[in-house]
Amino acid sequence: MEGIKKMATITLRPIDAYDDAGTLFTHIKFSSITIANRWQVVDEAVADDNTTAMYNDNGSTAGSELWELTDSSITAGIISKVTFYIRHTTIGRGTSTYRARAKPIVGTSLTDAGSYINTTSLDTFNTQAWEVTNNPLTSSAWVWANFVGVNKLYFGYTGQASQTNSSKYLHQITQYYITITYVAPSTGINFNDATCTKINGATLTSLNGT
């Protein structure tokens, strides 16, 4: 006999920049937001694409960005995976077939959380996802302390405007967030494949001692 287990997700978005001075990634496009507040160009729940975006035009020289994310409001349940989402595009400035690309990173060490993925089209935004089952800093399972409190991790990405040609492309990102998939706490008792939460008005915590 056991409590019912179900999967649930929570979404975390940027609420501040790790580096207020912008030495990692300084360019902001189509926005009057200051460098220190540049996280606001990628924090929206509904992507606004060209309205607010940040970009890298340094050719094959990679640029990285880190953000503090909202604290998780969930702190219980086993985490099964973290999915990183980056919405970005290549702005075309030539005829090269080499597109801009990005990958997710974790921590102030800028540790890779996934491999580079190229943008899929010129001048059209698309959202790409990386599913990561273990914390790349420890190679162990994610824990809630990674996402809440004073010791939570910073999350971000590394991007390249072009893999070979510095004069042809611009890499633009408009949205960034992560989702945490976890096993939600038990909500009842499994009895003969049915979920029982109450008997005669009393909330169940066990049945026949289990």
N, C-alpha and C. Protein backbone atom coordinates (compact mmCIF):
# COMPACT_ATOMS: atom_id res chain seq x y z
N MET A 1 0.85 -1.18 0.00
CA MET A 1 0.00 0.00 0.00
C MET A 1 0.89 1.24 0.00
N GLU A 2 0.61 2.20 -0.87
CA GLU A 2 1.45 3.38 -0.90
C GLU A 2 0.65 4.59 -1.34
N GLY A 3 1.16 5.78 -1.00
CA GLY A 3 0.55 7.01 -1.45
C GLY A 3 0.65 7.15 -2.96
N ILE A 4 -0.30 7.85 -3.55
CA ILE A 4 -0.31 8.05 -4.97
C ILE A 4 0.82 9.01 -5.35
N LYS A 5 1.59 8.64 -6.36
CA LYS A 5 2.67 9.49 -6.84
C LYS A 5 2.31 10.03 -8.21
N LYS A 6 2.54 11.31 -8.41
CA LYS A 6 2.29 11.90 -9.72
C LYS A 6 3.36 12.93 -10.03
N MET A 7 3.63 13.10 -11.32
CA MET A 7 4.63 14.05 -11.75
C MET A 7 4.03 15.44 -11.84
N ALA A 8 4.84 16.43 -11.50
CA ALA A 8 4.42 17.82 -11.58
C ALA A 8 5.60 18.65 -12.05
N THR A 9 5.35 19.88 -12.49
CA THR A 9 6.42 20.76 -12.94
C THR A 9 6.24 22.15 -12.35
N ILE A 10 7.36 22.86 -12.22
CA ILE A 10 7.35 24.25 -11.81
C ILE A 10 8.31 25.00 -12.72
N THR A 11 7.98 26.24 -13.06
CA THR A 11 8.78 27.05 -13.97
C THR A 11 9.49 28.16 -13.21
N LEU A 12 10.77 28.34 -13.50
CA LEU A 12 11.56 29.41 -12.88
C LEU A 12 12.11 30.30 -13.99
N ARG A 13 12.02 31.63 -13.76
CA ARG A 13 12.47 32.61 -14.75
C ARG A 13 13.47 33.58 -14.14
N PRO A 14 14.25 34.26 -14.96
CA PRO A 14 15.23 35.22 -14.44
C PRO A 14 14.58 36.35 -13.64
N ILE A 15 15.25 36.74 -12.54
CA ILE A 15 14.81 37.90 -11.76
C ILE A 15 15.96 38.88 -11.52
N ASP A 16 17.16 38.53 -11.94
CA ASP A 16 18.29 39.43 -11.78
C ASP A 16 19.46 38.88 -12.60
N ALA A 17 20.40 39.76 -12.92
CA ALA A 17 21.62 39.34 -13.60
C ALA A 17 22.68 38.97 -12.58
N TYR A 18 23.46 37.96 -12.88
CA TYR A 18 24.58 37.61 -12.00
C TYR A 18 25.63 38.72 -12.04
N ASP A 19 25.86 39.24 -13.23
CA ASP A 19 26.91 40.23 -13.46
C ASP A 19 26.26 41.55 -13.86
N ASP A 20 26.05 42.45 -12.89
CA ASP A 20 25.36 43.70 -13.18
C ASP A 20 26.13 44.58 -14.17
N ALA A 21 27.44 44.46 -14.18
CA ALA A 21 28.25 45.31 -15.06
C ALA A 21 28.18 44.88 -16.51
N GLY A 22 27.73 43.66 -16.75
CA GLY A 22 27.55 43.20 -18.13
C GLY A 22 28.84 42.85 -18.84
N THR A 23 29.83 42.39 -18.11
CA THR A 23 31.10 42.06 -18.76
C THR A 23 31.01 40.75 -19.53
N LEU A 24 30.04 39.90 -19.20
CA LEU A 24 29.89 38.64 -19.93
C LEU A 24 29.18 38.87 -21.26
N PHE A 25 28.07 39.57 -21.18
CA PHE A 25 27.22 39.76 -22.37
C PHE A 25 26.61 41.16 -22.27
N THR A 26 27.01 42.07 -23.12
CA THR A 26 26.65 43.47 -22.91
C THR A 26 25.61 44.02 -23.88
N HIS A 27 25.32 43.35 -24.95
CA HIS A 27 24.49 43.94 -26.00
C HIS A 27 23.00 43.70 -25.76
N ILE A 28 22.22 44.77 -25.85
CA ILE A 28 20.77 44.69 -25.74
C ILE A 28 20.17 45.33 -26.99
N LYS A 29 19.20 44.66 -27.57
CA LYS A 29 18.63 45.11 -28.84
C LYS A 29 17.13 45.40 -28.68
N PHE A 30 16.65 46.43 -29.37
CA PHE A 30 15.24 46.80 -29.38
C PHE A 30 14.69 47.04 -27.97
N SER A 31 15.48 47.70 -27.13
CA SER A 31 15.06 47.90 -25.75
C SER A 31 15.85 49.05 -25.14
N SER A 32 15.21 49.80 -24.23
CA SER A 32 15.89 50.87 -23.50
C SER A 32 16.32 50.42 -22.11
N ILE A 33 16.24 49.14 -21.83
CA ILE A 33 16.60 48.60 -20.53
C ILE A 33 18.10 48.77 -20.30
N THR A 34 18.48 49.10 -19.07
CA THR A 34 19.89 49.29 -18.75
C THR A 34 20.62 47.96 -18.70
N ILE A 35 21.94 48.02 -18.76
CA ILE A 35 22.75 46.81 -18.69
C ILE A 35 22.46 46.01 -17.43
N ALA A 36 22.37 46.68 -16.28
CA ALA A 36 22.12 45.97 -15.02
C ALA A 36 20.77 45.27 -15.00
N ASN A 37 19.81 45.80 -15.74
CA ASN A 37 18.47 45.21 -15.77
C ASN A 37 18.20 44.39 -17.03
N ARG A 38 19.26 43.97 -17.71
CA ARG A 38 19.08 43.30 -19.00
C ARG A 38 18.38 41.96 -18.88
N TRP A 39 18.32 41.39 -17.67
CA TRP A 39 17.58 40.15 -17.48
C TRP A 39 16.10 40.32 -17.86
N GLN A 40 15.62 41.55 -17.83
CA GLN A 40 14.21 41.79 -18.13
C GLN A 40 13.86 41.56 -19.60
N VAL A 41 14.87 41.44 -20.46
CA VAL A 41 14.56 41.19 -21.87
C VAL A 41 14.30 39.71 -22.14
N VAL A 42 14.55 38.83 -21.17
CA VAL A 42 14.36 37.40 -21.40
C VAL A 42 13.44 36.75 -20.38
N ASP A 43 12.80 37.53 -19.51
CA ASP A 43 12.06 36.96 -18.38
C ASP A 43 10.57 36.77 -18.63
N GLU A 44 10.07 37.18 -19.79
CA GLU A 44 8.63 37.17 -20.01
C GLU A 44 8.07 35.75 -20.11
N ALA A 45 6.82 35.58 -19.64
CA ALA A 45 6.16 34.28 -19.72
C ALA A 45 5.72 33.99 -21.14
N VAL A 46 5.31 35.02 -21.87
CA VAL A 46 4.95 34.89 -23.28
C VAL A 46 6.01 35.63 -24.08
N ALA A 47 6.71 34.92 -24.94
CA ALA A 47 7.83 35.51 -25.67
C ALA A 47 7.39 36.71 -26.50
N ASP A 48 8.20 37.79 -26.41
CA ASP A 48 7.87 38.98 -27.21
C ASP A 48 8.83 39.16 -28.39
N ASP A 49 9.69 38.18 -28.59
CA ASP A 49 10.59 38.14 -29.75
C ASP A 49 11.36 39.45 -29.95
N ASN A 50 11.12 40.16 -31.03
CA ASN A 50 11.93 41.34 -31.33
C ASN A 50 11.67 42.55 -30.44
N THR A 51 10.61 42.51 -29.65
CA THR A 51 10.32 43.67 -28.80
C THR A 51 11.43 43.91 -27.80
N THR A 52 11.84 42.86 -27.09
CA THR A 52 12.99 42.94 -26.19
C THR A 52 13.84 41.71 -26.40
N ALA A 53 15.12 41.91 -26.63
CA ALA A 53 16.02 40.79 -26.87
C ALA A 53 17.45 41.24 -26.61
N MET A 54 18.33 40.27 -26.39
CA MET A 54 19.76 40.57 -26.25
C MET A 54 20.51 39.80 -27.32
N TYR A 55 21.68 40.30 -27.69
CA TYR A 55 22.35 39.67 -28.80
C TYR A 55 23.86 39.64 -28.64
N ASN A 56 24.46 38.76 -29.39
CA ASN A 56 25.91 38.60 -29.46
C ASN A 56 26.32 38.74 -30.93
N ASP A 57 27.25 39.66 -31.19
CA ASP A 57 27.71 39.83 -32.57
C ASP A 57 29.22 39.66 -32.66
N ASN A 58 29.77 38.83 -31.79
CA ASN A 58 31.23 38.64 -31.72
C ASN A 58 31.72 37.47 -32.55
N GLY A 59 30.96 37.09 -33.57
CA GLY A 59 31.41 36.02 -34.45
C GLY A 59 31.51 34.69 -33.73
N SER A 60 32.64 34.01 -33.93
CA SER A 60 32.81 32.69 -33.33
C SER A 60 33.29 32.77 -31.88
N THR A 61 33.52 33.98 -31.36
CA THR A 61 33.89 34.14 -29.95
C THR A 61 32.64 34.00 -29.09
N ALA A 62 32.60 32.99 -28.25
CA ALA A 62 31.42 32.70 -27.45
C ALA A 62 31.22 33.76 -26.36
N GLY A 63 29.97 34.09 -26.10
CA GLY A 63 29.60 34.95 -24.98
C GLY A 63 28.67 34.20 -24.06
N SER A 64 28.76 34.47 -22.76
CA SER A 64 27.92 33.76 -21.78
C SER A 64 27.13 34.76 -20.95
N GLU A 65 26.01 34.30 -20.44
CA GLU A 65 25.17 35.11 -19.57
C GLU A 65 24.62 34.24 -18.45
N LEU A 66 24.56 34.79 -17.25
CA LEU A 66 24.02 34.09 -16.09
C LEU A 66 22.95 34.94 -15.43
N TRP A 67 21.93 34.26 -14.89
CA TRP A 67 20.87 34.95 -14.17
C TRP A 67 20.57 34.26 -12.85
N GLU A 68 20.10 35.06 -11.92
CA GLU A 68 19.43 34.51 -10.74
C GLU A 68 17.99 34.24 -11.14
N LEU A 69 17.47 33.08 -10.78
CA LEU A 69 16.09 32.74 -11.10
C LEU A 69 15.22 32.90 -9.86
N THR A 70 13.92 32.95 -10.07
CA THR A 70 12.99 32.99 -8.96
C THR A 70 13.21 31.78 -8.04
N ASP A 71 13.02 31.98 -6.75
CA ASP A 71 13.09 30.86 -5.82
C ASP A 71 11.96 29.88 -6.13
N SER A 72 12.26 28.60 -6.04
CA SER A 72 11.21 27.60 -6.20
C SER A 72 10.25 27.67 -5.02
N SER A 73 8.97 27.64 -5.32
CA SER A 73 7.97 27.60 -4.25
C SER A 73 7.73 26.17 -3.78
N ILE A 74 8.32 25.20 -4.47
CA ILE A 74 8.23 23.79 -4.10
C ILE A 74 9.58 23.36 -3.54
N THR A 75 9.56 22.66 -2.43
CA THR A 75 10.81 22.18 -1.84
C THR A 75 10.73 20.71 -1.42
N ALA A 76 9.68 20.04 -1.85
CA ALA A 76 9.51 18.62 -1.50
C ALA A 76 9.22 17.83 -2.76
N GLY A 77 9.68 16.59 -2.78
CA GLY A 77 9.48 15.72 -3.94
C GLY A 77 10.80 15.46 -4.65
N ILE A 78 10.95 14.28 -5.19
CA ILE A 78 12.18 13.90 -5.87
C ILE A 78 12.20 14.53 -7.26
N ILE A 79 13.28 15.23 -7.59
CA ILE A 79 13.42 15.88 -8.89
C ILE A 79 13.89 14.85 -9.92
N SER A 80 13.16 14.74 -11.01
CA SER A 80 13.53 13.77 -12.04
C SER A 80 14.34 14.40 -13.17
N LYS A 81 14.10 15.69 -13.45
CA LYS A 81 14.88 16.36 -14.50
C LYS A 81 14.65 17.86 -14.44
N VAL A 82 15.59 18.59 -15.02
CA VAL A 82 15.45 20.02 -15.24
C VAL A 82 15.55 20.25 -16.74
N THR A 83 14.62 21.01 -17.28
CA THR A 83 14.62 21.30 -18.71
C THR A 83 14.91 22.79 -18.92
N PHE A 84 15.93 23.07 -19.72
CA PHE A 84 16.33 24.43 -20.05
C PHE A 84 15.68 24.83 -21.37
N TYR A 85 15.11 26.03 -21.42
CA TYR A 85 14.48 26.52 -22.64
C TYR A 85 15.13 27.84 -23.06
N ILE A 86 15.55 27.89 -24.31
CA ILE A 86 16.13 29.10 -24.89
C ILE A 86 15.39 29.41 -26.19
N ARG A 87 14.86 30.61 -26.27
CA ARG A 87 14.21 31.05 -27.51
C ARG A 87 15.14 32.05 -28.19
N HIS A 88 15.58 31.71 -29.40
CA HIS A 88 16.60 32.52 -30.05
C HIS A 88 16.50 32.41 -31.56
N THR A 89 17.33 33.20 -32.23
CA THR A 89 17.35 33.17 -33.68
C THR A 89 18.70 33.66 -34.19
N THR A 90 18.96 33.40 -35.45
CA THR A 90 20.10 33.97 -36.17
C THR A 90 19.59 35.11 -37.03
N ILE A 91 20.17 36.30 -36.83
CA ILE A 91 19.85 37.43 -37.70
C ILE A 91 20.82 37.40 -38.87
N GLY A 92 20.30 37.25 -40.09
CA GLY A 92 21.15 37.05 -41.25
C GLY A 92 21.81 38.33 -41.73
N ARG A 93 23.11 38.23 -41.99
CA ARG A 93 23.84 39.36 -42.55
C ARG A 93 24.75 38.90 -43.69
N GLY A 94 24.40 37.81 -44.30
CA GLY A 94 25.23 37.29 -45.37
C GLY A 94 24.65 35.98 -45.89
N THR A 95 25.47 35.21 -46.58
CA THR A 95 24.98 33.99 -47.22
C THR A 95 25.58 32.73 -46.62
N SER A 96 26.35 32.86 -45.54
CA SER A 96 26.97 31.68 -44.95
C SER A 96 25.90 30.72 -44.43
N THR A 97 26.17 29.43 -44.53
CA THR A 97 25.23 28.42 -44.03
C THR A 97 25.44 28.12 -42.55
N TYR A 98 26.43 28.74 -41.92
CA TYR A 98 26.71 28.47 -40.52
C TYR A 98 25.86 29.38 -39.65
N ARG A 99 25.02 28.77 -38.84
CA ARG A 99 24.06 29.51 -38.03
C ARG A 99 24.61 29.75 -36.62
N ALA A 100 24.00 30.72 -35.93
CA ALA A 100 24.29 30.94 -34.52
C ALA A 100 23.84 29.73 -33.71
N ARG A 101 24.38 29.58 -32.51
CA ARG A 101 24.03 28.42 -31.69
C ARG A 101 24.15 28.77 -30.21
N ALA A 102 23.52 27.94 -29.36
CA ALA A 102 23.52 28.18 -27.93
C ALA A 102 23.53 26.86 -27.17
N LYS A 103 23.91 26.94 -25.88
CA LYS A 103 23.83 25.80 -24.98
C LYS A 103 23.60 26.32 -23.57
N PRO A 104 22.94 25.54 -22.71
CA PRO A 104 22.69 25.98 -21.34
C PRO A 104 23.91 25.79 -20.45
N ILE A 105 24.05 26.65 -19.45
CA ILE A 105 25.14 26.54 -18.49
C ILE A 105 24.60 26.72 -17.07
N VAL A 106 25.39 26.26 -16.10
CA VAL A 106 25.00 26.34 -14.69
C VAL A 106 26.20 26.81 -13.87
N GLY A 107 25.94 27.70 -12.90
CA GLY A 107 26.97 28.09 -11.95
C GLY A 107 27.93 29.14 -12.45
N THR A 108 28.61 29.77 -11.52
CA THR A 108 29.56 30.82 -11.88
C THR A 108 30.79 30.29 -12.61
N SER A 109 30.97 28.98 -12.61
CA SER A 109 32.03 28.36 -13.40
C SER A 109 31.64 28.21 -14.86
N LEU A 110 30.40 28.58 -15.20
CA LEU A 110 29.87 28.50 -16.57
C LEU A 110 29.93 27.07 -17.10
N THR A 111 29.58 26.11 -16.24
CA THR A 111 29.64 24.69 -16.59
C THR A 111 28.52 24.32 -17.56
N ASP A 112 28.87 23.62 -18.63
CA ASP A 112 27.88 23.20 -19.62
C ASP A 112 26.84 22.28 -18.99
N ALA A 113 25.58 22.55 -19.33
CA ALA A 113 24.49 21.66 -18.94
C ALA A 113 23.94 20.93 -20.15
N GLY A 114 24.52 21.17 -21.30
CA GLY A 114 24.09 20.53 -22.54
C GLY A 114 24.99 20.95 -23.67
N SER A 115 24.78 20.36 -24.82
CA SER A 115 25.61 20.65 -26.00
C SER A 115 24.99 21.78 -26.82
N TYR A 116 25.81 22.37 -27.68
CA TYR A 116 25.33 23.42 -28.58
C TYR A 116 24.22 22.88 -29.48
N ILE A 117 23.21 23.71 -29.70
CA ILE A 117 22.19 23.46 -30.72
C ILE A 117 22.10 24.69 -31.59
N ASN A 118 22.16 24.49 -32.90
CA ASN A 118 22.05 25.61 -33.84
C ASN A 118 20.63 26.15 -33.88
N THR A 119 20.50 27.45 -34.13
CA THR A 119 19.18 27.98 -34.44
C THR A 119 18.70 27.34 -35.74
N THR A 120 17.39 27.22 -35.88
CA THR A 120 16.87 26.44 -37.00
C THR A 120 16.55 27.26 -38.23
N SER A 121 16.51 28.59 -38.09
CA SER A 121 16.17 29.39 -39.26
C SER A 121 16.72 30.80 -39.10
N LEU A 122 16.79 31.50 -40.20
CA LEU A 122 17.23 32.89 -40.18
C LEU A 122 16.05 33.81 -39.86
N ASP A 123 16.27 34.75 -38.93
CA ASP A 123 15.33 35.84 -38.66
C ASP A 123 13.99 35.38 -38.10
N THR A 124 13.87 34.13 -37.70
CA THR A 124 12.64 33.62 -37.09
C THR A 124 13.00 32.94 -35.78
N PHE A 125 12.37 33.36 -34.70
CA PHE A 125 12.68 32.79 -33.39
C PHE A 125 12.13 31.37 -33.25
N ASN A 126 12.88 30.54 -32.58
CA ASN A 126 12.39 29.21 -32.22
C ASN A 126 12.88 28.86 -30.82
N THR A 127 12.10 28.06 -30.12
CA THR A 127 12.43 27.65 -28.75
C THR A 127 13.03 26.26 -28.77
N GLN A 128 14.19 26.11 -28.15
CA GLN A 128 14.84 24.80 -28.07
C GLN A 128 15.00 24.40 -26.61
N ALA A 129 15.01 23.09 -26.37
CA ALA A 129 14.99 22.58 -25.01
C ALA A 129 16.09 21.54 -24.79
N TRP A 130 16.63 21.54 -23.59
CA TRP A 130 17.63 20.56 -23.15
C TRP A 130 17.14 19.93 -21.86
N GLU A 131 16.97 18.62 -21.83
CA GLU A 131 16.57 17.91 -20.62
C GLU A 131 17.81 17.39 -19.90
N VAL A 132 17.95 17.74 -18.63
CA VAL A 132 19.15 17.41 -17.86
C VAL A 132 18.71 16.72 -16.57
N THR A 133 19.11 15.46 -16.41
CA THR A 133 18.65 14.68 -15.25
C THR A 133 19.52 14.85 -14.02
N ASN A 134 20.80 15.24 -14.20
CA ASN A 134 21.71 15.42 -13.07
C ASN A 134 22.32 16.81 -13.08
N ASN A 135 22.64 17.30 -11.90
CA ASN A 135 23.34 18.57 -11.77
C ASN A 135 24.73 18.44 -12.39
N PRO A 136 25.06 19.19 -13.44
CA PRO A 136 26.37 19.02 -14.08
C PRO A 136 27.54 19.44 -13.21
N LEU A 137 27.28 20.18 -12.15
CA LEU A 137 28.36 20.57 -11.24
C LEU A 137 28.78 19.44 -10.32
N THR A 138 27.85 18.52 -10.05
CA THR A 138 28.12 17.43 -9.10
C THR A 138 27.98 16.05 -9.72
N SER A 139 27.36 15.98 -10.90
CA SER A 139 27.02 14.70 -11.55
C SER A 139 26.05 13.87 -10.72
N SER A 140 25.42 14.49 -9.74
CA SER A 140 24.42 13.83 -8.89
C SER A 140 23.04 14.42 -9.19
N ALA A 141 22.04 13.80 -8.63
CA ALA A 141 20.68 14.26 -8.87
C ALA A 141 20.49 15.69 -8.38
N TRP A 142 19.63 16.42 -9.07
CA TRP A 142 19.27 17.76 -8.63
C TRP A 142 18.61 17.70 -7.25
N VAL A 143 18.81 18.72 -6.45
CA VAL A 143 18.15 18.84 -5.15
C VAL A 143 17.53 20.23 -5.06
N TRP A 144 16.56 20.39 -4.16
CA TRP A 144 15.84 21.65 -4.09
C TRP A 144 16.73 22.81 -3.66
N ALA A 145 17.79 22.53 -2.94
CA ALA A 145 18.72 23.59 -2.54
C ALA A 145 19.39 24.25 -3.74
N ASN A 146 19.38 23.58 -4.90
CA ASN A 146 19.91 24.18 -6.12
C ASN A 146 19.04 25.33 -6.63
N PHE A 147 17.79 25.41 -6.14
CA PHE A 147 16.81 26.33 -6.71
C PHE A 147 16.17 27.27 -5.70
N VAL A 148 16.59 27.22 -4.45
CA VAL A 148 15.96 28.07 -3.45
C VAL A 148 16.98 28.41 -2.36
N GLY A 149 16.88 29.63 -1.83
CA GLY A 149 17.74 30.02 -0.72
C GLY A 149 19.02 30.71 -1.15
N VAL A 150 19.84 31.03 -0.18
CA VAL A 150 21.04 31.84 -0.43
C VAL A 150 22.10 31.09 -1.22
N ASN A 151 22.04 29.78 -1.23
CA ASN A 151 23.05 28.98 -1.95
C ASN A 151 22.55 28.42 -3.27
N LYS A 152 21.43 28.93 -3.75
CA LYS A 152 20.91 28.42 -5.03
C LYS A 152 21.85 28.77 -6.17
N LEU A 153 21.74 28.03 -7.25
CA LEU A 153 22.64 28.18 -8.39
C LEU A 153 22.18 29.28 -9.34
N TYR A 154 23.13 29.81 -10.09
CA TYR A 154 22.82 30.70 -11.21
C TYR A 154 22.69 29.85 -12.48
N PHE A 155 21.81 30.29 -13.36
CA PHE A 155 21.56 29.56 -14.61
C PHE A 155 21.68 30.51 -15.79
N GLY A 156 22.12 29.99 -16.93
CA GLY A 156 22.27 30.85 -18.09
C GLY A 156 22.57 30.08 -19.35
N TYR A 157 23.30 30.72 -20.25
CA TYR A 157 23.63 30.08 -21.53
C TYR A 157 24.92 30.66 -22.09
N THR A 158 25.50 29.91 -23.00
CA THR A 158 26.63 30.38 -23.81
C THR A 158 26.18 30.34 -25.27
N GLY A 159 26.52 31.39 -26.01
CA GLY A 159 26.11 31.45 -27.40
C GLY A 159 27.21 31.96 -28.32
N GLN A 160 27.09 31.60 -29.58
CA GLN A 160 27.99 32.08 -30.62
C GLN A 160 27.17 32.70 -31.75
N ALA A 161 27.61 33.84 -32.24
CA ALA A 161 26.91 34.48 -33.35
C ALA A 161 27.12 33.74 -34.66
N SER A 162 28.30 33.16 -34.83
CA SER A 162 28.62 32.39 -36.02
C SER A 162 29.72 31.41 -35.67
N GLN A 163 29.68 30.25 -36.27
CA GLN A 163 30.70 29.25 -35.95
C GLN A 163 32.01 29.48 -36.69
N THR A 164 31.96 30.25 -37.78
CA THR A 164 33.19 30.42 -38.55
C THR A 164 33.43 31.85 -39.03
N ASN A 165 32.37 32.62 -39.25
CA ASN A 165 32.53 33.90 -39.94
C ASN A 165 32.04 35.03 -39.05
N SER A 166 32.93 35.91 -38.64
CA SER A 166 32.58 36.95 -37.69
C SER A 166 31.76 38.08 -38.29
N SER A 167 31.63 38.15 -39.58
CA SER A 167 31.00 39.31 -40.21
C SER A 167 29.58 39.06 -40.71
N LYS A 168 29.07 37.85 -40.57
CA LYS A 168 27.83 37.53 -41.27
C LYS A 168 26.59 37.42 -40.39
N TYR A 169 26.73 37.06 -39.13
CA TYR A 169 25.52 36.76 -38.36
C TYR A 169 25.51 37.42 -37.00
N LEU A 170 24.31 37.46 -36.43
CA LEU A 170 24.08 37.98 -35.10
C LEU A 170 23.17 36.99 -34.36
N HIS A 171 23.55 36.61 -33.15
CA HIS A 171 22.75 35.68 -32.36
C HIS A 171 21.88 36.47 -31.39
N GLN A 172 20.58 36.25 -31.47
CA GLN A 172 19.64 37.02 -30.66
C GLN A 172 18.79 36.09 -29.80
N ILE A 173 18.68 36.40 -28.51
CA ILE A 173 17.89 35.60 -27.58
C ILE A 173 16.82 36.49 -26.94
N THR A 174 15.60 35.97 -26.89
CA THR A 174 14.49 36.77 -26.38
C THR A 174 13.82 36.17 -25.14
N GLN A 175 14.06 34.90 -24.84
CA GLN A 175 13.39 34.28 -23.69
C GLN A 175 14.24 33.14 -23.14
N TYR A 176 14.25 33.03 -21.80
CA TYR A 176 15.00 31.97 -21.13
C TYR A 176 14.23 31.56 -19.88
N TYR A 177 14.11 30.27 -19.66
CA TYR A 177 13.51 29.78 -18.42
C TYR A 177 13.85 28.30 -18.26
N ILE A 178 13.62 27.78 -17.05
CA ILE A 178 13.78 26.35 -16.81
C ILE A 178 12.50 25.81 -16.19
N THR A 179 12.27 24.53 -16.39
CA THR A 179 11.21 23.84 -15.67
C THR A 179 11.81 22.69 -14.87
N ILE A 180 11.28 22.47 -13.70
CA ILE A 180 11.70 21.37 -12.84
C ILE A 180 10.57 20.34 -12.82
N THR A 181 10.87 19.13 -13.22
CA THR A 181 9.90 18.04 -13.16
C THR A 181 10.21 17.20 -11.94
N TYR A 182 9.21 16.95 -11.11
CA TYR A 182 9.44 16.27 -9.84
C TYR A 182 8.25 15.37 -9.50
N VAL A 183 8.48 14.46 -8.57
CA VAL A 183 7.42 13.60 -8.06
C VAL A 183 6.71 14.35 -6.94
N ALA A 184 5.47 14.71 -7.17
CA ALA A 184 4.71 15.46 -6.17
C ALA A 184 4.45 14.60 -4.94
N PRO A 185 4.36 15.22 -3.77
CA PRO A 185 4.05 14.46 -2.55
C PRO A 185 2.75 13.68 -2.68
N SER A 186 2.64 12.59 -1.95
CA SER A 186 1.47 11.73 -2.01
C SER A 186 0.20 12.49 -1.65
N THR A 187 -0.87 12.18 -2.36
CA THR A 187 -2.14 12.84 -2.10
C THR A 187 -3.21 11.88 -1.60
N GLY A 188 -2.88 10.62 -1.45
CA GLY A 188 -3.86 9.65 -0.99
C GLY A 188 -3.25 8.28 -0.84
N ILE A 189 -4.07 7.27 -0.72
CA ILE A 189 -3.64 5.89 -0.55
C ILE A 189 -4.11 5.07 -1.75
N ASN A 190 -3.20 4.28 -2.31
CA ASN A 190 -3.54 3.42 -3.43
C ASN A 190 -4.13 2.12 -2.89
N PHE A 191 -5.41 1.88 -3.21
CA PHE A 191 -6.09 0.67 -2.73
C PHE A 191 -6.83 0.05 -3.90
N ASN A 192 -6.36 -1.14 -4.31
CA ASN A 192 -6.95 -1.84 -5.45
C ASN A 192 -6.99 -0.93 -6.69
N ASP A 193 -5.86 -0.23 -6.90
CA ASP A 193 -5.69 0.65 -8.06
C ASP A 193 -6.62 1.86 -8.06
N ALA A 194 -7.19 2.19 -6.89
CA ALA A 194 -8.01 3.39 -6.76
C ALA A 194 -7.36 4.33 -5.74
N THR A 195 -7.53 5.61 -5.94
CA THR A 195 -6.97 6.59 -5.03
C THR A 195 -7.98 6.89 -3.92
N CYS A 196 -7.60 6.60 -2.70
CA CYS A 196 -8.46 6.85 -1.55
C CYS A 196 -7.86 7.98 -0.72
N THR A 197 -8.60 9.03 -0.50
CA THR A 197 -8.12 10.12 0.33
C THR A 197 -8.85 10.21 1.66
N LYS A 198 -10.09 9.71 1.70
CA LYS A 198 -10.85 9.75 2.94
C LYS A 198 -11.73 8.50 3.06
N ILE A 199 -11.98 8.07 4.30
CA ILE A 199 -12.96 7.02 4.60
C ILE A 199 -13.84 7.56 5.71
N ASN A 200 -15.15 7.59 5.46
CA ASN A 200 -16.10 8.12 6.44
C ASN A 200 -15.69 9.51 6.92
N GLY A 201 -15.19 10.34 5.99
CA GLY A 201 -14.86 11.72 6.33
C GLY A 201 -13.50 11.92 6.95
N ALA A 202 -12.77 10.84 7.21
CA ALA A 202 -11.44 10.94 7.83
C ALA A 202 -10.36 10.85 6.76
N THR A 203 -9.38 11.72 6.85
CA THR A 203 -8.29 11.72 5.88
C THR A 203 -7.37 10.54 6.14
N LEU A 204 -7.03 9.81 5.08
CA LEU A 204 -6.19 8.63 5.19
C LEU A 204 -4.71 9.02 5.23
N THR A 205 -3.99 8.45 6.15
CA THR A 205 -2.53 8.52 6.14
C THR A 205 -1.92 7.14 5.98
N SER A 206 -2.68 6.09 6.31
CA SER A 206 -2.25 4.72 6.12
C SER A 206 -3.46 3.83 6.07
N LEU A 207 -3.28 2.64 5.58
CA LEU A 207 -4.35 1.65 5.50
C LEU A 207 -3.77 0.31 5.91
N ASN A 208 -4.31 -0.29 6.96
CA ASN A 208 -3.78 -1.54 7.50
C ASN A 208 -2.29 -1.41 7.84
N GLY A 209 -1.94 -0.20 8.32
CA GLY A 209 -0.56 0.01 8.75
C GLY A 209 0.39 0.35 7.66
N THR A 210 -0.07 0.49 6.41
CA THR A 210 0.83 0.80 5.31
C THR A 210 0.36 2.05 4.59
